[in-house]
N, C-alpha and C. Protein backbone atom coordinates (compact mmCIF):
# COMPACT_ATOMS: atom_id res chain seq x y z
N UNK A 1 103.94 109.64 111.24
CA UNK A 1 102.79 109.89 110.38
C UNK A 1 103.15 111.02 109.43
N UNK A 2 103.05 110.76 108.14
CA UNK A 2 103.38 111.79 107.17
C UNK A 2 102.25 112.82 107.09
N UNK A 3 102.63 114.01 106.70
CA UNK A 3 101.66 115.09 106.59
C UNK A 3 102.14 116.05 105.52
N UNK A 4 101.28 117.00 105.20
CA UNK A 4 101.62 118.01 104.20
C UNK A 4 102.08 119.29 104.87
N UNK A 5 102.99 119.97 104.20
CA UNK A 5 103.40 121.31 104.59
C UNK A 5 103.13 122.21 103.39
N UNK A 6 102.35 123.25 103.60
CA UNK A 6 102.00 124.15 102.50
C UNK A 6 103.11 125.18 102.31
N UNK A 7 103.77 125.20 101.14
CA UNK A 7 104.84 126.17 100.92
C UNK A 7 104.28 127.58 100.80
N UNK A 8 105.07 128.60 101.16
CA UNK A 8 104.57 129.98 101.09
C UNK A 8 104.29 130.45 99.67
N UNK A 9 104.90 129.79 98.68
CA UNK A 9 104.70 130.23 97.29
C UNK A 9 103.34 129.81 96.75
N UNK A 10 102.63 128.95 97.47
CA UNK A 10 101.31 128.51 97.02
C UNK A 10 101.39 127.34 96.05
N UNK A 11 102.55 126.72 95.89
CA UNK A 11 102.71 125.58 94.99
C UNK A 11 102.07 124.34 95.63
N UNK A 12 102.26 123.19 94.98
CA UNK A 12 101.71 121.94 95.49
C UNK A 12 102.28 121.65 96.88
N UNK A 13 101.49 121.04 97.77
CA UNK A 13 101.97 120.80 99.13
C UNK A 13 103.15 119.83 99.15
N UNK A 14 104.04 120.05 100.11
CA UNK A 14 105.24 119.24 100.26
C UNK A 14 104.98 118.17 101.32
N UNK A 15 105.40 116.95 101.06
CA UNK A 15 105.22 115.86 102.02
C UNK A 15 106.32 115.93 103.07
N UNK A 16 105.92 115.81 104.34
CA UNK A 16 106.86 115.76 105.46
C UNK A 16 106.68 114.40 106.13
N UNK A 17 107.76 113.64 106.24
CA UNK A 17 107.70 112.31 106.85
C UNK A 17 108.98 112.06 107.64
N UNK A 18 108.92 111.09 108.55
CA UNK A 18 110.10 110.77 109.34
C UNK A 18 110.81 109.56 108.74
N UNK A 19 111.97 109.22 109.30
CA UNK A 19 112.80 108.14 108.77
C UNK A 19 112.12 106.78 108.88
N UNK A 20 111.37 106.56 109.97
CA UNK A 20 110.69 105.28 110.14
C UNK A 20 109.68 105.03 109.03
N UNK A 21 108.99 106.08 108.64
CA UNK A 21 107.99 105.92 107.58
C UNK A 21 108.64 105.60 106.24
N UNK A 22 109.80 106.16 105.99
CA UNK A 22 110.51 105.87 104.74
C UNK A 22 111.01 104.43 104.76
N UNK A 23 111.51 103.97 105.90
CA UNK A 23 112.00 102.60 106.01
C UNK A 23 110.85 101.60 105.89
N UNK A 24 109.65 101.99 106.35
CA UNK A 24 108.48 101.09 106.24
C UNK A 24 108.06 100.87 104.79
N UNK A 25 108.63 101.61 103.85
CA UNK A 25 108.31 101.40 102.43
C UNK A 25 109.01 100.16 101.87
N UNK A 26 109.94 99.58 102.63
CA UNK A 26 110.75 98.46 102.13
C UNK A 26 109.92 97.29 101.59
N UNK A 27 108.90 96.77 102.31
CA UNK A 27 108.13 95.64 101.74
C UNK A 27 107.40 96.01 100.45
N UNK A 28 106.84 97.22 100.41
CA UNK A 28 106.14 97.65 99.20
C UNK A 28 107.11 97.75 98.03
N UNK A 29 108.31 98.27 98.28
CA UNK A 29 109.31 98.38 97.21
C UNK A 29 109.79 97.01 96.75
N UNK A 30 109.91 96.07 97.69
CA UNK A 30 110.32 94.72 97.32
C UNK A 30 109.29 94.08 96.39
N UNK A 31 108.00 94.20 96.75
CA UNK A 31 106.94 93.65 95.89
C UNK A 31 106.95 94.33 94.52
N UNK A 32 107.12 95.64 94.52
CA UNK A 32 107.08 96.39 93.27
C UNK A 32 108.24 96.01 92.35
N UNK A 33 109.45 95.90 92.90
CA UNK A 33 110.60 95.55 92.07
C UNK A 33 110.47 94.13 91.52
N UNK A 34 109.90 93.22 92.31
CA UNK A 34 109.66 91.87 91.79
C UNK A 34 108.62 91.91 90.68
N UNK A 35 107.61 92.75 90.85
CA UNK A 35 106.54 92.85 89.86
C UNK A 35 107.05 93.34 88.51
N UNK A 36 107.98 94.29 88.53
CA UNK A 36 108.47 94.81 87.25
C UNK A 36 109.60 93.97 86.67
N UNK A 37 109.99 92.91 87.35
CA UNK A 37 110.90 91.94 86.76
C UNK A 37 112.37 92.12 87.10
N UNK A 38 112.69 92.76 88.22
CA UNK A 38 114.09 92.91 88.62
C UNK A 38 114.57 91.61 89.23
N UNK A 39 115.79 91.22 88.90
CA UNK A 39 116.39 90.00 89.44
C UNK A 39 116.55 90.11 90.96
N UNK A 40 116.31 89.02 91.66
CA UNK A 40 116.37 89.00 93.13
C UNK A 40 117.74 89.43 93.66
N UNK A 41 118.77 89.22 92.88
CA UNK A 41 120.12 89.58 93.30
C UNK A 41 120.26 91.09 93.51
N UNK A 42 119.56 91.89 92.71
CA UNK A 42 119.73 93.34 92.74
C UNK A 42 118.71 94.06 93.64
N UNK A 43 117.69 93.36 94.10
CA UNK A 43 116.60 94.03 94.83
C UNK A 43 117.09 94.72 96.11
N UNK A 44 117.90 94.10 96.98
CA UNK A 44 118.32 94.82 98.19
C UNK A 44 119.08 96.12 97.90
N UNK A 45 119.96 96.09 96.90
CA UNK A 45 120.71 97.31 96.56
C UNK A 45 119.79 98.39 96.02
N UNK A 46 118.83 98.00 95.17
CA UNK A 46 117.90 98.98 94.61
C UNK A 46 117.01 99.59 95.69
N UNK A 47 116.60 98.76 96.64
CA UNK A 47 115.77 99.28 97.74
C UNK A 47 116.57 100.28 98.57
N UNK A 48 117.83 99.96 98.85
CA UNK A 48 118.67 100.87 99.63
C UNK A 48 118.86 102.20 98.89
N UNK A 49 119.14 102.13 97.58
CA UNK A 49 119.29 103.36 96.79
C UNK A 49 117.99 104.16 96.78
N UNK A 50 116.86 103.47 96.64
CA UNK A 50 115.57 104.15 96.59
C UNK A 50 115.25 104.83 97.91
N UNK A 51 115.50 104.14 99.01
CA UNK A 51 115.21 104.73 100.32
C UNK A 51 116.09 105.96 100.57
N UNK A 52 117.37 105.86 100.21
CA UNK A 52 118.25 107.02 100.43
C UNK A 52 117.88 108.18 99.52
N UNK A 53 117.51 107.90 98.28
CA UNK A 53 117.09 108.97 97.37
C UNK A 53 115.79 109.61 97.85
N UNK A 54 114.85 108.80 98.30
CA UNK A 54 113.58 109.33 98.81
C UNK A 54 113.82 110.18 100.05
N UNK A 55 114.71 109.73 100.92
CA UNK A 55 115.00 110.49 102.13
C UNK A 55 115.62 111.84 101.79
N UNK A 56 116.57 111.85 100.85
CA UNK A 56 117.17 113.11 100.42
C UNK A 56 116.12 114.04 99.81
N UNK A 57 115.24 113.48 98.99
CA UNK A 57 114.20 114.29 98.35
C UNK A 57 113.24 114.87 99.39
N UNK A 58 112.94 114.10 100.44
CA UNK A 58 112.09 114.62 101.51
C UNK A 58 112.73 115.82 102.19
N UNK A 59 114.02 115.71 102.45
CA UNK A 59 114.72 116.82 103.11
C UNK A 59 114.84 118.05 102.22
N UNK A 60 114.90 117.83 100.90
CA UNK A 60 115.01 118.96 99.97
C UNK A 60 113.64 119.51 99.58
N UNK A 61 112.58 118.86 100.03
CA UNK A 61 111.23 119.34 99.71
C UNK A 61 110.79 119.04 98.30
N UNK A 62 111.32 117.96 97.70
CA UNK A 62 110.97 117.62 96.32
C UNK A 62 109.83 116.61 96.21
N UNK A 63 109.36 116.07 97.32
CA UNK A 63 108.24 115.12 97.27
C UNK A 63 106.97 115.94 97.41
N UNK A 64 106.25 116.07 96.32
CA UNK A 64 105.05 116.90 96.30
C UNK A 64 103.81 116.03 96.22
N UNK A 65 102.72 116.57 96.72
CA UNK A 65 101.45 115.87 96.67
C UNK A 65 100.39 116.73 96.01
N UNK A 66 99.16 116.50 96.38
CA UNK A 66 98.04 117.29 95.85
C UNK A 66 96.94 117.30 96.90
N UNK A 67 95.98 118.17 96.69
CA UNK A 67 94.90 118.31 97.66
C UNK A 67 94.05 117.04 97.76
N UNK A 68 93.87 116.35 96.64
CA UNK A 68 93.02 115.17 96.63
C UNK A 68 93.81 113.87 96.83
N UNK A 69 95.06 113.96 97.31
CA UNK A 69 95.92 112.81 97.47
C UNK A 69 96.46 112.80 98.90
N UNK A 70 96.39 111.65 99.56
CA UNK A 70 96.92 111.56 100.93
C UNK A 70 98.45 111.63 100.88
N UNK A 71 99.07 112.16 101.94
CA UNK A 71 100.54 112.24 101.94
C UNK A 71 101.22 110.88 101.81
N UNK A 72 100.61 109.84 102.41
CA UNK A 72 101.19 108.50 102.32
C UNK A 72 101.19 108.01 100.87
N UNK A 73 100.11 108.31 100.13
CA UNK A 73 100.04 107.90 98.73
C UNK A 73 101.07 108.64 97.89
N UNK A 74 101.24 109.93 98.16
CA UNK A 74 102.23 110.71 97.42
C UNK A 74 103.63 110.18 97.68
N UNK A 75 103.92 109.82 98.94
CA UNK A 75 105.23 109.29 99.29
C UNK A 75 105.47 107.94 98.63
N UNK A 76 104.46 107.07 98.65
CA UNK A 76 104.59 105.75 98.00
C UNK A 76 104.77 105.90 96.49
N UNK A 77 104.01 106.81 95.89
CA UNK A 77 104.15 107.03 94.45
C UNK A 77 105.53 107.54 94.09
N UNK A 78 106.06 108.47 94.88
CA UNK A 78 107.41 108.98 94.63
C UNK A 78 108.43 107.86 94.77
N UNK A 79 108.27 107.02 95.80
CA UNK A 79 109.22 105.93 96.02
C UNK A 79 109.16 104.92 94.87
N UNK A 80 107.95 104.62 94.37
CA UNK A 80 107.83 103.70 93.23
C UNK A 80 108.51 104.26 91.99
N UNK A 81 108.27 105.54 91.71
CA UNK A 81 108.91 106.15 90.54
C UNK A 81 110.43 106.14 90.68
N UNK A 82 110.91 106.42 91.87
CA UNK A 82 112.36 106.43 92.10
C UNK A 82 112.92 105.02 91.94
N UNK A 83 112.22 104.01 92.46
CA UNK A 83 112.68 102.63 92.32
C UNK A 83 112.72 102.22 90.86
N UNK A 84 111.72 102.63 90.10
CA UNK A 84 111.70 102.29 88.67
C UNK A 84 112.87 102.94 87.95
N UNK A 85 113.18 104.20 88.27
CA UNK A 85 114.32 104.87 87.63
C UNK A 85 115.64 104.19 87.99
N UNK A 86 115.79 103.82 89.26
CA UNK A 86 117.01 103.11 89.64
C UNK A 86 117.10 101.75 88.93
N UNK A 87 115.96 101.07 88.79
CA UNK A 87 115.96 99.77 88.10
C UNK A 87 116.30 99.95 86.62
N UNK A 88 115.79 101.00 85.99
CA UNK A 88 116.11 101.25 84.58
C UNK A 88 117.60 101.56 84.42
N UNK A 89 118.17 102.35 85.33
CA UNK A 89 119.60 102.63 85.26
C UNK A 89 120.42 101.35 85.45
N UNK A 90 119.98 100.49 86.36
CA UNK A 90 120.67 99.23 86.57
C UNK A 90 120.60 98.37 85.31
N UNK A 91 119.43 98.28 84.71
CA UNK A 91 119.28 97.45 83.50
C UNK A 91 120.10 98.02 82.35
N UNK A 92 120.16 99.35 82.26
CA UNK A 92 120.95 99.97 81.20
C UNK A 92 122.43 99.63 81.39
N UNK A 93 122.92 99.72 82.62
CA UNK A 93 124.32 99.38 82.89
C UNK A 93 124.55 97.88 82.76
N UNK A 94 123.61 97.08 83.25
CA UNK A 94 123.77 95.63 83.22
C UNK A 94 123.70 95.09 81.81
N UNK A 95 122.94 95.75 80.93
CA UNK A 95 122.85 95.24 79.57
C UNK A 95 124.19 95.33 78.87
N UNK A 96 125.04 96.27 79.28
CA UNK A 96 126.37 96.36 78.69
C UNK A 96 127.33 95.37 79.33
N UNK A 97 127.16 95.15 80.64
CA UNK A 97 128.07 94.26 81.35
C UNK A 97 127.70 92.80 81.19
N UNK A 98 126.42 92.49 81.42
CA UNK A 98 126.01 91.09 81.54
C UNK A 98 125.16 90.59 80.39
N UNK A 99 124.98 91.42 79.34
CA UNK A 99 124.19 91.03 78.18
C UNK A 99 122.75 90.70 78.55
N UNK A 100 122.15 91.51 79.45
CA UNK A 100 120.75 91.35 79.80
C UNK A 100 119.94 92.21 78.83
N UNK A 101 118.88 91.67 78.21
CA UNK A 101 118.12 92.49 77.26
C UNK A 101 117.49 93.70 77.95
N UNK A 102 117.41 94.79 77.21
CA UNK A 102 116.91 96.05 77.76
C UNK A 102 115.43 95.93 78.15
N UNK A 103 114.69 95.04 77.50
CA UNK A 103 113.27 94.92 77.80
C UNK A 103 113.01 93.96 78.96
N UNK A 104 114.00 93.74 79.84
CA UNK A 104 113.82 92.83 80.96
C UNK A 104 112.84 93.39 81.98
N UNK A 105 112.77 94.72 82.11
CA UNK A 105 111.78 95.30 83.02
C UNK A 105 110.45 95.29 82.29
N UNK A 106 109.44 94.74 82.92
CA UNK A 106 108.21 94.40 82.22
C UNK A 106 107.23 95.53 82.05
N UNK A 107 107.18 96.48 82.94
CA UNK A 107 106.15 97.51 82.81
C UNK A 107 106.66 98.84 83.32
N UNK A 108 106.11 99.92 82.80
CA UNK A 108 106.48 101.24 83.30
C UNK A 108 105.90 101.44 84.70
N UNK A 109 106.36 102.46 85.42
CA UNK A 109 105.88 102.64 86.79
C UNK A 109 104.42 103.07 86.85
N UNK A 110 103.78 102.77 87.97
CA UNK A 110 102.44 103.27 88.21
C UNK A 110 102.58 104.70 88.68
N UNK A 111 102.43 105.63 87.76
CA UNK A 111 102.67 107.03 88.10
C UNK A 111 101.48 107.58 88.86
N UNK A 112 101.76 108.34 89.87
CA UNK A 112 100.72 108.98 90.67
C UNK A 112 100.63 110.42 90.23
N UNK A 113 99.55 110.75 89.55
CA UNK A 113 99.37 112.13 89.12
C UNK A 113 98.06 112.64 89.68
N UNK A 114 98.07 113.78 90.33
CA UNK A 114 96.84 114.31 90.88
C UNK A 114 95.90 114.85 89.80
N UNK A 115 96.44 115.24 88.66
CA UNK A 115 95.63 115.83 87.61
C UNK A 115 95.46 114.82 86.47
N UNK A 116 94.25 114.36 86.16
CA UNK A 116 94.07 113.34 85.13
C UNK A 116 94.09 113.90 83.70
N UNK A 117 94.26 115.21 83.52
CA UNK A 117 94.19 115.79 82.18
C UNK A 117 95.26 115.23 81.25
N UNK A 118 96.47 115.03 81.74
CA UNK A 118 97.54 114.51 80.88
C UNK A 118 97.20 113.11 80.38
N UNK A 119 96.59 112.28 81.24
CA UNK A 119 96.20 110.94 80.82
C UNK A 119 95.10 110.99 79.77
N UNK A 120 94.15 111.90 79.95
CA UNK A 120 93.05 112.03 79.00
C UNK A 120 93.57 112.50 77.65
N UNK A 121 94.47 113.49 77.66
CA UNK A 121 95.03 113.98 76.40
C UNK A 121 95.84 112.90 75.71
N UNK A 122 96.61 112.12 76.46
CA UNK A 122 97.40 111.04 75.87
C UNK A 122 96.49 109.98 75.27
N UNK A 123 95.41 109.64 75.97
CA UNK A 123 94.47 108.66 75.44
C UNK A 123 93.83 109.14 74.14
N UNK A 124 93.42 110.42 74.11
CA UNK A 124 92.83 110.96 72.89
C UNK A 124 93.82 110.99 71.74
N UNK A 125 95.07 111.32 72.04
CA UNK A 125 96.09 111.36 71.02
C UNK A 125 96.36 109.97 70.45
N UNK A 126 96.43 108.97 71.33
CA UNK A 126 96.64 107.60 70.86
C UNK A 126 95.44 107.09 70.07
N UNK A 127 94.24 107.47 70.47
CA UNK A 127 93.05 107.08 69.71
C UNK A 127 93.12 107.67 68.31
N UNK A 128 93.55 108.93 68.21
CA UNK A 128 93.68 109.57 66.89
C UNK A 128 94.71 108.84 66.04
N UNK A 129 95.85 108.44 66.65
CA UNK A 129 96.88 107.72 65.88
C UNK A 129 96.35 106.39 65.40
N UNK A 130 95.64 105.68 66.28
CA UNK A 130 95.13 104.35 65.91
C UNK A 130 94.14 104.43 64.74
N UNK A 131 93.32 105.50 64.72
CA UNK A 131 92.32 105.62 63.65
C UNK A 131 92.92 106.16 62.36
N UNK A 132 93.78 107.17 62.47
CA UNK A 132 94.24 107.85 61.26
C UNK A 132 95.45 107.19 60.61
N UNK A 133 96.25 106.51 61.37
CA UNK A 133 97.47 105.91 60.81
C UNK A 133 97.62 104.46 61.29
N UNK A 134 96.89 103.54 60.69
CA UNK A 134 96.92 102.16 61.18
C UNK A 134 98.28 101.49 61.04
N UNK A 135 99.07 101.85 60.01
CA UNK A 135 100.40 101.22 59.86
C UNK A 135 101.32 101.65 61.00
N UNK A 136 101.21 102.92 61.41
CA UNK A 136 102.04 103.40 62.50
C UNK A 136 101.49 102.94 63.85
N UNK A 137 100.19 102.67 63.90
CA UNK A 137 99.58 102.23 65.16
C UNK A 137 100.14 100.88 65.61
N UNK A 138 100.57 100.05 64.66
CA UNK A 138 101.13 98.75 65.05
C UNK A 138 102.41 98.94 65.87
N UNK A 139 103.14 100.01 65.64
CA UNK A 139 104.35 100.29 66.43
C UNK A 139 103.95 100.58 67.87
N UNK A 140 102.87 101.35 68.04
CA UNK A 140 102.40 101.67 69.39
C UNK A 140 101.97 100.40 70.11
N UNK A 141 101.26 99.52 69.41
CA UNK A 141 100.82 98.27 70.04
C UNK A 141 102.00 97.39 70.45
N UNK A 142 103.03 97.33 69.59
CA UNK A 142 104.20 96.54 69.96
C UNK A 142 104.94 97.14 71.15
N UNK A 143 105.02 98.47 71.19
CA UNK A 143 105.69 99.13 72.33
C UNK A 143 104.91 98.89 73.61
N UNK A 144 103.57 98.85 73.52
CA UNK A 144 102.75 98.59 74.70
C UNK A 144 102.99 97.18 75.22
N UNK A 145 103.34 96.27 74.33
CA UNK A 145 103.66 94.89 74.75
C UNK A 145 105.10 94.73 75.21
N UNK A 146 105.88 95.80 75.09
CA UNK A 146 107.27 95.76 75.55
C UNK A 146 108.27 95.45 74.46
N UNK A 147 107.82 95.43 73.21
CA UNK A 147 108.75 95.16 72.12
C UNK A 147 109.15 96.47 71.48
N UNK A 148 110.43 96.79 71.56
CA UNK A 148 110.94 98.01 70.95
C UNK A 148 112.24 97.69 70.22
N UNK A 149 112.63 98.55 69.31
CA UNK A 149 113.89 98.41 68.60
C UNK A 149 113.94 97.18 67.72
N UNK A 150 115.04 96.42 67.79
CA UNK A 150 115.20 95.25 66.91
C UNK A 150 114.12 94.18 67.10
N UNK A 151 113.64 94.02 68.35
CA UNK A 151 112.59 93.02 68.59
C UNK A 151 111.32 93.38 67.83
N UNK A 152 110.94 94.66 67.86
CA UNK A 152 109.74 95.10 67.16
C UNK A 152 109.93 95.00 65.65
N UNK A 153 111.12 95.31 65.17
CA UNK A 153 111.39 95.22 63.72
C UNK A 153 111.24 93.78 63.25
N UNK A 154 111.77 92.82 64.03
CA UNK A 154 111.63 91.41 63.65
C UNK A 154 110.17 90.98 63.65
N UNK A 155 109.42 91.43 64.66
CA UNK A 155 108.01 91.05 64.76
C UNK A 155 107.21 91.60 63.58
N UNK A 156 107.52 92.83 63.17
CA UNK A 156 106.79 93.45 62.06
C UNK A 156 107.29 92.95 60.70
N UNK A 157 108.44 92.28 60.67
CA UNK A 157 108.98 91.79 59.41
C UNK A 157 109.70 92.88 58.62
N UNK A 158 110.13 93.94 59.29
CA UNK A 158 110.87 95.02 58.65
C UNK A 158 112.34 94.91 58.98
N UNK A 159 113.13 95.58 58.17
CA UNK A 159 114.52 95.76 58.53
C UNK A 159 114.60 96.81 59.63
N UNK A 160 115.73 96.88 60.29
CA UNK A 160 115.90 97.82 61.39
C UNK A 160 115.80 99.27 60.92
N UNK A 161 116.37 99.57 59.76
CA UNK A 161 116.33 100.94 59.23
C UNK A 161 114.90 101.35 58.90
N UNK A 162 114.16 100.45 58.27
CA UNK A 162 112.77 100.76 57.92
C UNK A 162 111.93 100.95 59.18
N UNK A 163 112.19 100.13 60.19
CA UNK A 163 111.44 100.26 61.44
C UNK A 163 111.71 101.61 62.10
N UNK A 164 112.98 102.02 62.14
CA UNK A 164 113.28 103.32 62.75
C UNK A 164 112.68 104.46 61.94
N UNK A 165 112.57 104.30 60.63
CA UNK A 165 111.91 105.33 59.81
C UNK A 165 110.43 105.42 60.18
N UNK A 166 109.79 104.27 60.42
CA UNK A 166 108.38 104.28 60.84
C UNK A 166 108.24 104.93 62.22
N UNK A 167 109.17 104.65 63.11
CA UNK A 167 109.13 105.26 64.44
C UNK A 167 109.27 106.77 64.34
N UNK A 168 110.17 107.23 63.47
CA UNK A 168 110.33 108.68 63.28
C UNK A 168 109.05 109.31 62.72
N UNK A 169 108.37 108.63 61.80
CA UNK A 169 107.10 109.14 61.27
C UNK A 169 106.05 109.22 62.38
N UNK A 170 106.01 108.21 63.23
CA UNK A 170 105.06 108.20 64.33
C UNK A 170 105.35 109.35 65.30
N UNK A 171 106.60 109.56 65.62
CA UNK A 171 106.95 110.66 66.52
C UNK A 171 106.59 112.01 65.91
N UNK A 172 106.84 112.15 64.61
CA UNK A 172 106.49 113.41 63.95
C UNK A 172 104.97 113.62 63.96
N UNK A 173 104.21 112.55 63.74
CA UNK A 173 102.75 112.67 63.76
C UNK A 173 102.26 113.03 65.16
N UNK A 174 102.85 112.43 66.18
CA UNK A 174 102.46 112.76 67.56
C UNK A 174 102.82 114.19 67.92
N UNK A 175 104.00 114.64 67.48
CA UNK A 175 104.38 116.03 67.75
C UNK A 175 103.45 117.00 67.04
N UNK A 176 103.12 116.70 65.80
CA UNK A 176 102.24 117.58 65.03
C UNK A 176 100.84 117.64 65.64
N UNK A 177 100.38 116.51 66.16
CA UNK A 177 99.03 116.48 66.73
C UNK A 177 98.98 117.13 68.11
N UNK A 178 100.11 117.10 68.83
CA UNK A 178 100.08 117.62 70.19
C UNK A 178 100.40 119.11 70.28
N UNK A 179 101.03 119.67 69.26
CA UNK A 179 101.34 121.10 69.31
C UNK A 179 100.13 121.89 68.83
N UNK A 180 99.82 122.99 69.49
CA UNK A 180 98.66 123.79 69.07
C UNK A 180 98.95 124.48 67.73
N UNK A 181 97.91 124.61 66.95
CA UNK A 181 98.03 125.27 65.65
C UNK A 181 98.12 126.77 65.85
N UNK A 182 99.06 127.40 65.15
CA UNK A 182 99.22 128.83 65.24
C UNK A 182 98.69 129.47 63.95
N UNK A 183 98.22 130.67 64.11
CA UNK A 183 97.77 131.41 62.93
C UNK A 183 98.99 131.75 62.08
N UNK A 184 98.82 131.76 60.75
CA UNK A 184 99.97 132.08 59.90
C UNK A 184 100.39 133.54 60.09
N UNK A 185 101.68 133.78 59.93
CA UNK A 185 102.16 135.15 60.05
C UNK A 185 101.62 135.98 58.90
N UNK A 186 101.26 137.21 59.17
CA UNK A 186 100.75 138.05 58.08
C UNK A 186 101.86 138.38 57.09
N UNK A 187 101.49 138.41 55.83
CA UNK A 187 102.45 138.74 54.79
C UNK A 187 102.49 140.25 54.61
N UNK A 188 103.40 140.71 53.78
CA UNK A 188 103.50 142.15 53.58
C UNK A 188 102.27 142.69 52.89
N UNK A 189 101.62 141.83 52.04
CA UNK A 189 100.41 142.30 51.35
C UNK A 189 99.26 142.51 52.33
N UNK A 190 99.11 141.58 53.28
CA UNK A 190 98.00 141.73 54.24
C UNK A 190 98.27 142.90 55.20
N UNK A 191 99.52 143.12 55.55
CA UNK A 191 99.83 144.27 56.40
C UNK A 191 99.59 145.58 55.66
N UNK A 192 99.93 145.60 54.38
CA UNK A 192 99.75 146.80 53.57
C UNK A 192 98.27 147.10 53.36
N UNK A 193 97.46 146.04 53.22
CA UNK A 193 96.02 146.23 53.00
C UNK A 193 95.33 146.82 54.22
N UNK A 194 95.86 146.57 55.41
CA UNK A 194 95.23 147.09 56.62
C UNK A 194 95.48 148.59 56.82
N UNK A 195 96.46 149.16 56.13
CA UNK A 195 96.76 150.57 56.31
C UNK A 195 95.75 151.47 55.72
């Protein structure tokens, strides 16, 4: 039975689990890897890598939870994220070896976050992009459908260079909207006037 251990530093609680509990994640990981579109040939290897990585992380105290999250949920969420990362690394390597398209994995991982503020801020930021920049919003919609890079450029009817320019504009707009505004530095005239 997994449980939490409260670190002396007062940080988020650390999940403590035994080997049997980590091995019992195998059916859940199998379903999850099938759901995100991993080929059946690679699933046993990915599950083995995920279980060993999760076990190492448990021993190093890197599996963290939250007060409003059960330890089992935190462990499953960590294992899903780890499986997704291993699957992405496999697809990245396989796309060079076997000519598998990079968008073969169908969806990002179901991230387990105890604090919903990041999701709320991301939703508000995307709402702002959709309203203020409709031409750039189409890039976000295509990325949500899994079309990125050359596939998205073909769908939008742009050349690859023009598409990447639009992506750079979108990233700049997102960075500008997400960074807090700072007051301008005082000039020498305003400093002199205060004396």
